[in-house]
C-alpha cells in the first residue's frame, strides 16, 4: 500500500494542461456496488461558485457515464507514466465487455460511495454540482462542432474537488 497525504485543492501546483492533456485522467464512477472507469484527456479545473471544481466531458455512449449519472460523486486519478499502457486500456475497452478495474490489478479503495486507487499519484475526490448536455446550437465556433462531433455530444459535468490525495 502506498502512502498518500491529503492536500487542499489550493495547494495543487501541477499544470492542468499537463495533467489532463498529456498524462490523462482516469474518471471513475461508483453505483449500485459496482465501479467503472474511463480515460479522459479533455477537461479543466478552476474556481466556480466559490468552489474548486473540475470540468468533465463524457459522451453518452460511454459506460462510465451510467455510473457517474447515478452517483453523487466521482473520482479523478492521475497515474505515473509507467501506467500509460493501462490508461490507454481504460480508454479503448468498454466496461460493458469486461471488468476493467479488476483486470487492471489496481488496488481499489472507497470513500463515501466513490472508488479510487492506491496506485494513483494524484486522486481527486469530487462531488457533482451540475450536468448539462452539449447542444449543436450552442457552438459559437461551428468548426469545433464539425470537427469533434457527429451527433454524439458530450455531457458536461462540473464537480467540486473536495479532497486531493497525493503520493508521499
N, C-alpha and C. Protein backbone atom coordinates (compact mmCIF):
# COMPACT_ATOMS: atom_id res chain seq x y z
N UNK A 1 0.84 -1.18 0.00
CA UNK A 1 0.00 0.00 0.00
C UNK A 1 0.88 1.24 0.00
N UNK A 2 0.57 2.17 -0.88
CA UNK A 2 1.37 3.38 -1.00
C UNK A 2 0.86 4.44 -0.04
N UNK A 3 1.77 5.23 0.51
CA UNK A 3 1.38 6.28 1.43
C UNK A 3 0.84 7.48 0.66
N UNK A 4 -0.31 7.97 1.07
CA UNK A 4 -0.91 9.14 0.46
C UNK A 4 -1.17 10.19 1.53
N UNK A 5 -1.01 11.43 1.16
CA UNK A 5 -1.34 12.51 2.09
C UNK A 5 -2.37 13.41 1.44
N UNK A 6 -3.19 14.02 2.27
CA UNK A 6 -4.22 14.93 1.78
C UNK A 6 -3.67 16.34 1.68
N UNK A 7 -3.98 16.99 0.55
CA UNK A 7 -3.66 18.40 0.40
C UNK A 7 -4.95 19.15 0.06
N UNK A 8 -4.94 20.44 0.32
CA UNK A 8 -6.08 21.26 -0.05
C UNK A 8 -6.03 21.54 -1.55
N UNK A 9 -7.18 21.70 -2.18
CA UNK A 9 -7.16 22.00 -3.62
C UNK A 9 -6.27 23.18 -4.00
N UNK A 10 -6.23 24.22 -3.16
CA UNK A 10 -5.41 25.38 -3.49
C UNK A 10 -3.91 25.10 -3.37
N UNK A 11 -3.54 23.96 -2.81
CA UNK A 11 -2.13 23.56 -2.71
C UNK A 11 -1.68 22.75 -3.93
N UNK A 12 -2.59 22.39 -4.81
CA UNK A 12 -2.26 21.63 -6.00
C UNK A 12 -1.51 22.53 -6.97
N UNK A 13 -0.27 22.20 -7.28
CA UNK A 13 0.62 23.08 -8.04
C UNK A 13 0.94 22.58 -9.45
N UNK A 14 0.33 21.50 -9.87
CA UNK A 14 0.67 20.94 -11.17
C UNK A 14 -0.09 21.64 -12.29
N UNK A 15 0.49 21.61 -13.48
CA UNK A 15 -0.15 22.19 -14.65
C UNK A 15 -1.37 21.36 -15.04
N UNK A 16 -2.51 22.00 -15.10
CA UNK A 16 -3.74 21.33 -15.54
C UNK A 16 -3.58 20.88 -16.99
N UNK A 17 -2.89 21.67 -17.79
CA UNK A 17 -2.67 21.31 -19.19
C UNK A 17 -1.86 20.02 -19.31
N UNK A 18 -0.88 19.86 -18.45
CA UNK A 18 -0.06 18.65 -18.44
C UNK A 18 -0.84 17.46 -17.88
N UNK A 19 -1.45 17.66 -16.73
CA UNK A 19 -2.14 16.56 -16.05
C UNK A 19 -3.29 16.01 -16.89
N UNK A 20 -4.12 16.89 -17.44
CA UNK A 20 -5.28 16.42 -18.20
C UNK A 20 -4.90 16.10 -19.64
N UNK A 21 -4.25 17.02 -20.30
CA UNK A 21 -3.99 16.87 -21.72
C UNK A 21 -2.89 15.90 -22.10
N UNK A 22 -1.90 15.73 -21.23
CA UNK A 22 -0.76 14.87 -21.56
C UNK A 22 -0.75 13.57 -20.75
N UNK A 23 -0.97 13.67 -19.46
CA UNK A 23 -0.93 12.47 -18.61
C UNK A 23 -2.27 11.74 -18.60
N UNK A 24 -3.35 12.46 -18.78
CA UNK A 24 -4.72 11.95 -18.80
C UNK A 24 -5.25 11.68 -17.39
N UNK A 25 -6.56 11.72 -17.29
CA UNK A 25 -7.26 11.41 -16.05
C UNK A 25 -7.95 10.07 -16.17
N UNK A 26 -8.07 9.38 -15.06
CA UNK A 26 -8.94 8.21 -15.00
C UNK A 26 -10.17 8.67 -14.22
N UNK A 27 -11.30 8.74 -14.91
CA UNK A 27 -12.57 9.17 -14.31
C UNK A 27 -13.30 7.91 -13.85
N UNK A 28 -13.66 7.86 -12.57
CA UNK A 28 -14.27 6.66 -12.01
C UNK A 28 -15.59 7.00 -11.34
N UNK A 29 -16.59 6.21 -11.67
CA UNK A 29 -17.90 6.33 -11.04
C UNK A 29 -18.25 5.04 -10.32
N UNK A 30 -19.01 5.16 -9.26
CA UNK A 30 -19.45 4.01 -8.48
C UNK A 30 -20.95 4.10 -8.27
N UNK A 31 -21.65 2.99 -8.55
CA UNK A 31 -23.10 2.96 -8.35
C UNK A 31 -23.54 1.52 -8.15
N UNK A 32 -24.49 1.34 -7.27
CA UNK A 32 -25.08 0.02 -7.02
C UNK A 32 -24.02 -1.03 -6.69
N UNK A 33 -22.98 -0.64 -5.96
CA UNK A 33 -21.96 -1.58 -5.53
C UNK A 33 -20.93 -1.95 -6.59
N UNK A 34 -20.96 -1.29 -7.73
CA UNK A 34 -20.02 -1.57 -8.81
C UNK A 34 -19.36 -0.26 -9.25
N UNK A 35 -18.21 -0.40 -9.92
CA UNK A 35 -17.48 0.77 -10.40
C UNK A 35 -17.06 0.56 -11.84
N UNK A 36 -16.87 1.66 -12.53
CA UNK A 36 -16.31 1.63 -13.87
C UNK A 36 -15.49 2.91 -14.06
N UNK A 37 -14.49 2.81 -14.91
CA UNK A 37 -13.59 3.95 -15.12
C UNK A 37 -13.27 4.09 -16.59
N UNK A 38 -12.93 5.31 -16.97
CA UNK A 38 -12.54 5.62 -18.35
C UNK A 38 -11.45 6.68 -18.33
N UNK A 39 -10.67 6.69 -19.38
CA UNK A 39 -9.63 7.68 -19.55
C UNK A 39 -10.23 8.95 -20.16
N UNK A 40 -9.76 10.09 -19.68
CA UNK A 40 -10.21 11.37 -20.23
C UNK A 40 -9.00 12.27 -20.44
N UNK A 41 -9.00 12.95 -21.59
CA UNK A 41 -7.93 13.92 -21.86
C UNK A 41 -8.50 15.30 -22.18
N UNK A 42 -9.80 15.45 -21.96
CA UNK A 42 -10.46 16.75 -22.09
C UNK A 42 -11.00 17.13 -20.72
N UNK A 43 -10.93 18.39 -20.40
CA UNK A 43 -11.49 18.86 -19.14
C UNK A 43 -10.74 20.09 -18.65
N UNK A 44 -11.02 20.43 -17.43
CA UNK A 44 -10.37 21.59 -16.86
C UNK A 44 -10.59 21.66 -15.37
N UNK A 45 -9.92 22.61 -14.74
CA UNK A 45 -10.07 22.85 -13.31
C UNK A 45 -10.02 24.34 -13.07
N UNK A 46 -10.71 24.77 -12.04
CA UNK A 46 -10.70 26.18 -11.69
C UNK A 46 -11.61 26.46 -10.53
N UNK A 47 -12.09 27.67 -10.46
CA UNK A 47 -12.99 28.10 -9.39
C UNK A 47 -14.32 28.48 -10.02
N UNK A 48 -15.40 27.95 -9.48
CA UNK A 48 -16.74 28.30 -9.91
C UNK A 48 -17.65 28.23 -8.70
N UNK A 49 -18.53 29.19 -8.55
CA UNK A 49 -19.46 29.25 -7.43
C UNK A 49 -18.72 29.21 -6.09
N UNK A 50 -17.53 29.83 -6.07
CA UNK A 50 -16.75 29.90 -4.85
C UNK A 50 -16.12 28.58 -4.43
N UNK A 51 -16.05 27.61 -5.35
CA UNK A 51 -15.54 26.28 -5.01
C UNK A 51 -14.46 25.87 -6.01
N UNK A 52 -13.50 25.04 -5.56
CA UNK A 52 -12.57 24.44 -6.51
C UNK A 52 -13.31 23.35 -7.28
N UNK A 53 -13.25 23.40 -8.60
CA UNK A 53 -14.04 22.47 -9.41
C UNK A 53 -13.20 21.86 -10.53
N UNK A 54 -13.72 20.74 -11.02
CA UNK A 54 -13.21 20.12 -12.24
C UNK A 54 -14.35 20.11 -13.24
N UNK A 55 -14.01 20.33 -14.51
CA UNK A 55 -14.98 20.27 -15.60
C UNK A 55 -14.68 19.00 -16.38
N UNK A 56 -15.68 18.17 -16.55
CA UNK A 56 -15.51 16.89 -17.24
C UNK A 56 -16.48 16.79 -18.39
N UNK A 57 -16.10 16.05 -19.40
CA UNK A 57 -16.94 15.88 -20.58
C UNK A 57 -16.99 14.40 -20.92
N UNK A 58 -18.20 13.83 -20.91
CA UNK A 58 -18.36 12.39 -21.15
C UNK A 58 -19.43 12.19 -22.21
N UNK A 59 -19.10 11.38 -23.20
CA UNK A 59 -20.05 11.08 -24.27
C UNK A 59 -21.12 10.11 -23.75
N UNK A 60 -22.32 10.20 -24.31
CA UNK A 60 -23.42 9.33 -23.85
C UNK A 60 -23.18 7.84 -24.10
N UNK A 61 -22.31 7.52 -25.02
CA UNK A 61 -22.04 6.13 -25.34
C UNK A 61 -21.10 5.45 -24.35
N UNK A 62 -20.47 6.23 -23.48
CA UNK A 62 -19.51 5.66 -22.54
C UNK A 62 -20.23 5.00 -21.36
N UNK A 63 -19.84 3.79 -21.05
CA UNK A 63 -20.44 3.03 -19.96
C UNK A 63 -20.23 3.73 -18.62
N UNK A 64 -19.09 4.34 -18.44
CA UNK A 64 -18.80 5.06 -17.19
C UNK A 64 -19.84 6.14 -16.92
N UNK A 65 -20.40 6.72 -17.96
CA UNK A 65 -21.41 7.78 -17.79
C UNK A 65 -22.60 7.28 -16.97
N UNK A 66 -22.99 6.04 -17.16
CA UNK A 66 -24.11 5.48 -16.39
C UNK A 66 -23.80 5.51 -14.89
N UNK A 67 -22.57 5.22 -14.53
CA UNK A 67 -22.16 5.22 -13.13
C UNK A 67 -22.10 6.65 -12.59
N UNK A 68 -21.54 7.56 -13.39
CA UNK A 68 -21.44 8.96 -12.99
C UNK A 68 -22.83 9.56 -12.78
N UNK A 69 -23.76 9.24 -13.67
CA UNK A 69 -25.11 9.80 -13.58
C UNK A 69 -25.85 9.32 -12.34
N UNK A 70 -25.60 8.10 -11.89
CA UNK A 70 -26.31 7.54 -10.73
C UNK A 70 -25.72 8.00 -9.40
N UNK A 71 -24.48 8.42 -9.41
CA UNK A 71 -23.77 8.70 -8.16
C UNK A 71 -23.79 10.19 -7.80
N UNK A 72 -23.53 10.46 -6.54
CA UNK A 72 -23.38 11.84 -6.08
C UNK A 72 -21.98 12.37 -6.36
N UNK A 73 -21.01 11.45 -6.45
CA UNK A 73 -19.63 11.86 -6.63
C UNK A 73 -18.91 11.03 -7.66
N UNK A 74 -17.63 11.35 -7.82
CA UNK A 74 -16.76 10.65 -8.75
C UNK A 74 -15.33 10.90 -8.31
N UNK A 75 -14.41 10.17 -8.92
CA UNK A 75 -13.00 10.45 -8.64
C UNK A 75 -12.25 10.68 -9.94
N UNK A 76 -11.19 11.47 -9.83
CA UNK A 76 -10.26 11.73 -10.92
C UNK A 76 -8.89 11.28 -10.43
N UNK A 77 -8.26 10.40 -11.18
CA UNK A 77 -6.96 9.87 -10.78
C UNK A 77 -5.93 10.15 -11.85
N UNK A 78 -4.72 10.47 -11.40
CA UNK A 78 -3.58 10.68 -12.29
C UNK A 78 -2.55 9.63 -11.92
N UNK A 79 -2.04 8.93 -12.92
CA UNK A 79 -1.10 7.85 -12.67
C UNK A 79 0.28 8.20 -13.21
N UNK A 80 1.31 7.55 -12.67
CA UNK A 80 2.66 7.78 -13.19
C UNK A 80 2.79 7.27 -14.63
N UNK A 81 3.78 7.78 -15.34
CA UNK A 81 3.97 7.45 -16.75
C UNK A 81 4.08 5.95 -17.01
N UNK A 82 4.60 5.21 -16.06
CA UNK A 82 4.73 3.76 -16.28
C UNK A 82 3.36 3.06 -16.36
N UNK A 83 2.29 3.77 -16.08
CA UNK A 83 0.93 3.22 -16.20
C UNK A 83 0.25 3.67 -17.49
N UNK A 84 0.99 4.21 -18.44
CA UNK A 84 0.42 4.71 -19.69
C UNK A 84 -0.34 3.61 -20.45
N UNK A 85 0.20 2.42 -20.51
CA UNK A 85 -0.46 1.32 -21.22
C UNK A 85 -1.82 1.02 -20.57
N UNK A 86 -1.85 1.03 -19.24
CA UNK A 86 -3.11 0.81 -18.52
C UNK A 86 -4.11 1.93 -18.83
N UNK A 87 -3.64 3.17 -18.86
CA UNK A 87 -4.53 4.28 -19.15
C UNK A 87 -5.11 4.16 -20.56
N UNK A 88 -4.31 3.72 -21.50
CA UNK A 88 -4.79 3.51 -22.85
C UNK A 88 -5.86 2.41 -22.86
N UNK A 89 -5.63 1.36 -22.12
CA UNK A 89 -6.60 0.26 -21.99
C UNK A 89 -7.95 0.78 -21.48
N UNK A 90 -7.92 1.60 -20.44
CA UNK A 90 -9.16 2.16 -19.88
C UNK A 90 -9.88 3.07 -20.88
N UNK A 91 -9.15 3.60 -21.84
CA UNK A 91 -9.76 4.48 -22.83
C UNK A 91 -10.25 3.77 -24.08
N UNK A 92 -9.87 2.51 -24.27
CA UNK A 92 -10.23 1.83 -25.50
C UNK A 92 -11.12 0.60 -25.32
N UNK A 93 -11.19 0.07 -24.11
CA UNK A 93 -12.02 -1.11 -23.83
C UNK A 93 -13.23 -0.68 -23.03
N UNK A 94 -14.39 -1.21 -23.36
CA UNK A 94 -15.61 -0.86 -22.64
C UNK A 94 -15.79 -1.74 -21.41
N UNK A 95 -16.22 -1.13 -20.33
CA UNK A 95 -16.57 -1.86 -19.12
C UNK A 95 -17.80 -2.74 -19.30
N UNK A 96 -18.54 -2.53 -20.37
CA UNK A 96 -19.66 -3.42 -20.68
C UNK A 96 -19.17 -4.81 -21.06
N UNK A 97 -17.94 -4.86 -21.60
CA UNK A 97 -17.38 -6.10 -22.11
C UNK A 97 -16.54 -6.86 -21.10
N UNK A 98 -15.93 -6.16 -20.17
CA UNK A 98 -15.10 -6.81 -19.16
C UNK A 98 -14.92 -5.88 -17.96
N UNK A 99 -14.54 -6.47 -16.84
CA UNK A 99 -14.30 -5.70 -15.63
C UNK A 99 -12.89 -5.11 -15.71
N UNK A 100 -12.81 -3.90 -16.24
CA UNK A 100 -11.52 -3.26 -16.47
C UNK A 100 -10.75 -3.03 -15.18
N UNK A 101 -11.45 -2.66 -14.13
CA UNK A 101 -10.77 -2.37 -12.86
C UNK A 101 -10.14 -3.64 -12.32
N UNK A 102 -10.88 -4.72 -12.32
CA UNK A 102 -10.34 -5.99 -11.84
C UNK A 102 -9.16 -6.44 -12.70
N UNK A 103 -9.33 -6.36 -14.01
CA UNK A 103 -8.29 -6.81 -14.93
C UNK A 103 -7.02 -5.95 -14.82
N UNK A 104 -7.17 -4.68 -14.46
CA UNK A 104 -6.02 -3.79 -14.36
C UNK A 104 -5.11 -4.12 -13.18
N UNK A 105 -5.64 -4.80 -12.17
CA UNK A 105 -4.86 -5.13 -10.99
C UNK A 105 -4.69 -3.98 -10.02
N UNK A 106 -5.41 -2.90 -10.22
CA UNK A 106 -5.32 -1.76 -9.31
C UNK A 106 -5.89 -2.11 -7.94
N UNK A 107 -5.33 -1.49 -6.90
CA UNK A 107 -5.81 -1.65 -5.54
C UNK A 107 -6.95 -0.67 -5.31
N UNK A 108 -8.15 -1.19 -5.13
CA UNK A 108 -9.36 -0.37 -5.02
C UNK A 108 -9.55 0.10 -3.59
N UNK A 109 -9.92 1.38 -3.47
CA UNK A 109 -10.29 1.98 -2.18
C UNK A 109 -11.64 2.66 -2.38
N UNK A 110 -12.33 2.91 -1.28
CA UNK A 110 -13.64 3.55 -1.34
C UNK A 110 -13.72 4.68 -0.33
N UNK A 111 -14.43 5.73 -0.70
CA UNK A 111 -14.68 6.85 0.19
C UNK A 111 -16.07 7.39 -0.11
N UNK A 112 -17.00 7.19 0.79
CA UNK A 112 -18.37 7.72 0.67
C UNK A 112 -18.96 7.51 -0.72
N UNK A 113 -18.95 6.26 -1.19
CA UNK A 113 -19.54 5.94 -2.47
C UNK A 113 -18.71 6.32 -3.67
N UNK A 114 -17.42 6.52 -3.46
CA UNK A 114 -16.52 6.86 -4.55
C UNK A 114 -15.35 5.87 -4.55
N UNK A 115 -15.02 5.36 -5.73
CA UNK A 115 -13.92 4.42 -5.90
C UNK A 115 -12.67 5.17 -6.32
N UNK A 116 -11.55 4.84 -5.69
CA UNK A 116 -10.26 5.38 -6.13
C UNK A 116 -9.19 4.32 -5.96
N UNK A 117 -7.95 4.65 -6.31
CA UNK A 117 -6.92 3.63 -6.44
C UNK A 117 -5.64 4.02 -5.71
N UNK A 118 -5.09 3.06 -5.01
CA UNK A 118 -3.88 3.26 -4.23
C UNK A 118 -2.70 3.66 -5.11
N UNK A 119 -2.65 3.16 -6.34
CA UNK A 119 -1.51 3.40 -7.22
C UNK A 119 -1.49 4.78 -7.87
N UNK A 120 -2.57 5.52 -7.78
CA UNK A 120 -2.61 6.86 -8.39
C UNK A 120 -1.64 7.78 -7.69
N UNK A 121 -0.96 8.60 -8.46
CA UNK A 121 -0.06 9.57 -7.83
C UNK A 121 -0.83 10.79 -7.35
N UNK A 122 -2.00 11.05 -7.97
CA UNK A 122 -2.91 12.11 -7.53
C UNK A 122 -4.33 11.56 -7.63
N UNK A 123 -5.12 11.79 -6.58
CA UNK A 123 -6.53 11.41 -6.59
C UNK A 123 -7.35 12.61 -6.15
N UNK A 124 -8.38 12.91 -6.92
CA UNK A 124 -9.31 13.98 -6.56
C UNK A 124 -10.67 13.36 -6.27
N UNK A 125 -11.14 13.53 -5.07
CA UNK A 125 -12.45 13.06 -4.67
C UNK A 125 -13.43 14.21 -4.87
N UNK A 126 -14.41 13.97 -5.72
CA UNK A 126 -15.28 15.07 -6.17
C UNK A 126 -16.75 14.79 -5.91
N UNK A 127 -17.50 15.88 -5.79
CA UNK A 127 -18.96 15.84 -5.62
C UNK A 127 -19.59 16.57 -6.79
N UNK A 128 -20.50 15.90 -7.48
CA UNK A 128 -21.13 16.53 -8.65
C UNK A 128 -21.98 17.72 -8.23
N UNK A 129 -21.88 18.79 -9.01
CA UNK A 129 -22.66 20.00 -8.78
C UNK A 129 -23.63 20.29 -9.92
N UNK A 130 -23.25 19.90 -11.15
CA UNK A 130 -24.02 20.34 -12.32
C UNK A 130 -23.73 19.41 -13.48
N UNK A 131 -24.73 19.18 -14.29
CA UNK A 131 -24.56 18.41 -15.54
C UNK A 131 -25.44 19.04 -16.61
N UNK A 132 -24.90 19.12 -17.82
CA UNK A 132 -25.65 19.69 -18.93
C UNK A 132 -25.20 19.04 -20.22
N UNK A 133 -26.17 18.64 -21.03
CA UNK A 133 -25.85 18.07 -22.33
C UNK A 133 -25.45 19.20 -23.28
N UNK A 134 -24.40 18.98 -24.02
CA UNK A 134 -23.97 19.96 -25.02
C UNK A 134 -24.94 19.89 -26.20
N UNK A 135 -25.14 21.04 -26.85
CA UNK A 135 -26.09 21.13 -27.95
C UNK A 135 -25.44 21.82 -29.14
N UNK A 136 -25.75 21.37 -30.35
CA UNK A 136 -25.11 21.97 -31.53
C UNK A 136 -25.41 23.46 -31.68
N UNK A 137 -26.58 23.89 -31.29
CA UNK A 137 -26.93 25.31 -31.45
C UNK A 137 -26.17 26.23 -30.50
N UNK A 138 -25.49 25.66 -29.51
CA UNK A 138 -24.74 26.47 -28.56
C UNK A 138 -23.31 26.74 -29.00
N UNK A 139 -22.84 26.10 -30.05
CA UNK A 139 -21.49 26.33 -30.54
C UNK A 139 -21.40 27.69 -31.22
N UNK A 140 -20.53 28.51 -30.74
CA UNK A 140 -20.25 29.79 -31.38
C UNK A 140 -19.28 29.57 -32.54
N UNK A 141 -18.25 28.77 -32.29
CA UNK A 141 -17.31 28.38 -33.34
C UNK A 141 -17.80 27.05 -33.91
N UNK A 142 -18.49 27.12 -35.02
CA UNK A 142 -19.10 25.93 -35.63
C UNK A 142 -18.06 24.90 -36.08
N UNK A 143 -16.82 25.35 -36.29
CA UNK A 143 -15.77 24.43 -36.69
C UNK A 143 -15.50 23.37 -35.61
N UNK A 144 -15.66 23.74 -34.34
CA UNK A 144 -15.48 22.76 -33.25
C UNK A 144 -16.54 21.67 -33.34
N UNK A 145 -17.77 22.07 -33.61
CA UNK A 145 -18.85 21.10 -33.77
C UNK A 145 -18.55 20.18 -34.95
N UNK A 146 -18.17 20.76 -36.07
CA UNK A 146 -17.92 19.98 -37.28
C UNK A 146 -16.75 19.02 -37.11
N UNK A 147 -15.71 19.45 -36.41
CA UNK A 147 -14.52 18.62 -36.26
C UNK A 147 -14.69 17.51 -35.24
N UNK A 148 -15.38 17.78 -34.12
CA UNK A 148 -15.36 16.86 -32.99
C UNK A 148 -16.64 16.07 -32.77
N UNK A 149 -17.72 16.41 -33.48
CA UNK A 149 -18.99 15.74 -33.19
C UNK A 149 -19.67 15.24 -34.45
N UNK A 150 -20.32 14.11 -34.30
CA UNK A 150 -21.19 13.56 -35.34
C UNK A 150 -22.52 13.18 -34.67
N UNK A 151 -23.02 14.09 -33.84
CA UNK A 151 -24.28 13.87 -33.14
C UNK A 151 -24.14 13.25 -31.76
N UNK A 152 -22.94 12.84 -31.38
CA UNK A 152 -22.75 12.23 -30.05
C UNK A 152 -22.12 13.24 -29.09
N UNK A 153 -22.90 14.23 -28.72
CA UNK A 153 -22.42 15.33 -27.89
C UNK A 153 -22.16 14.90 -26.46
N UNK A 154 -21.10 15.44 -25.91
CA UNK A 154 -20.77 15.18 -24.51
C UNK A 154 -21.82 15.74 -23.56
N UNK A 155 -21.85 15.18 -22.37
CA UNK A 155 -22.47 15.84 -21.23
C UNK A 155 -21.33 16.48 -20.46
N UNK A 156 -21.51 17.76 -20.11
CA UNK A 156 -20.52 18.46 -19.31
C UNK A 156 -20.92 18.33 -17.85
N UNK A 157 -19.96 17.95 -17.03
CA UNK A 157 -20.17 17.86 -15.59
C UNK A 157 -19.26 18.87 -14.90
N UNK A 158 -19.78 19.49 -13.89
CA UNK A 158 -18.97 20.34 -13.02
C UNK A 158 -19.02 19.67 -11.65
N UNK A 159 -17.84 19.36 -11.12
CA UNK A 159 -17.76 18.64 -9.85
C UNK A 159 -16.83 19.39 -8.90
N UNK A 160 -17.28 19.54 -7.68
CA UNK A 160 -16.45 20.17 -6.66
C UNK A 160 -15.34 19.21 -6.25
N UNK A 161 -14.13 19.71 -6.24
CA UNK A 161 -12.99 18.92 -5.76
C UNK A 161 -12.97 19.07 -4.24
N UNK A 162 -13.41 18.04 -3.55
CA UNK A 162 -13.50 18.08 -2.08
C UNK A 162 -12.18 17.74 -1.40
N UNK A 163 -11.47 16.77 -1.95
CA UNK A 163 -10.22 16.28 -1.35
C UNK A 163 -9.25 15.92 -2.45
N UNK A 164 -7.98 16.23 -2.23
CA UNK A 164 -6.92 15.76 -3.12
C UNK A 164 -5.95 14.94 -2.30
N UNK A 165 -5.67 13.74 -2.78
CA UNK A 165 -4.66 12.86 -2.17
C UNK A 165 -3.48 12.77 -3.11
N UNK A 166 -2.26 12.88 -2.58
CA UNK A 166 -1.05 12.75 -3.38
C UNK A 166 -0.14 11.73 -2.73
N UNK A 167 0.61 11.01 -3.57
CA UNK A 167 1.57 10.05 -3.03
C UNK A 167 2.68 10.80 -2.33
N UNK A 168 3.11 10.23 -1.21
CA UNK A 168 4.21 10.84 -0.47
C UNK A 168 5.54 10.33 -0.98
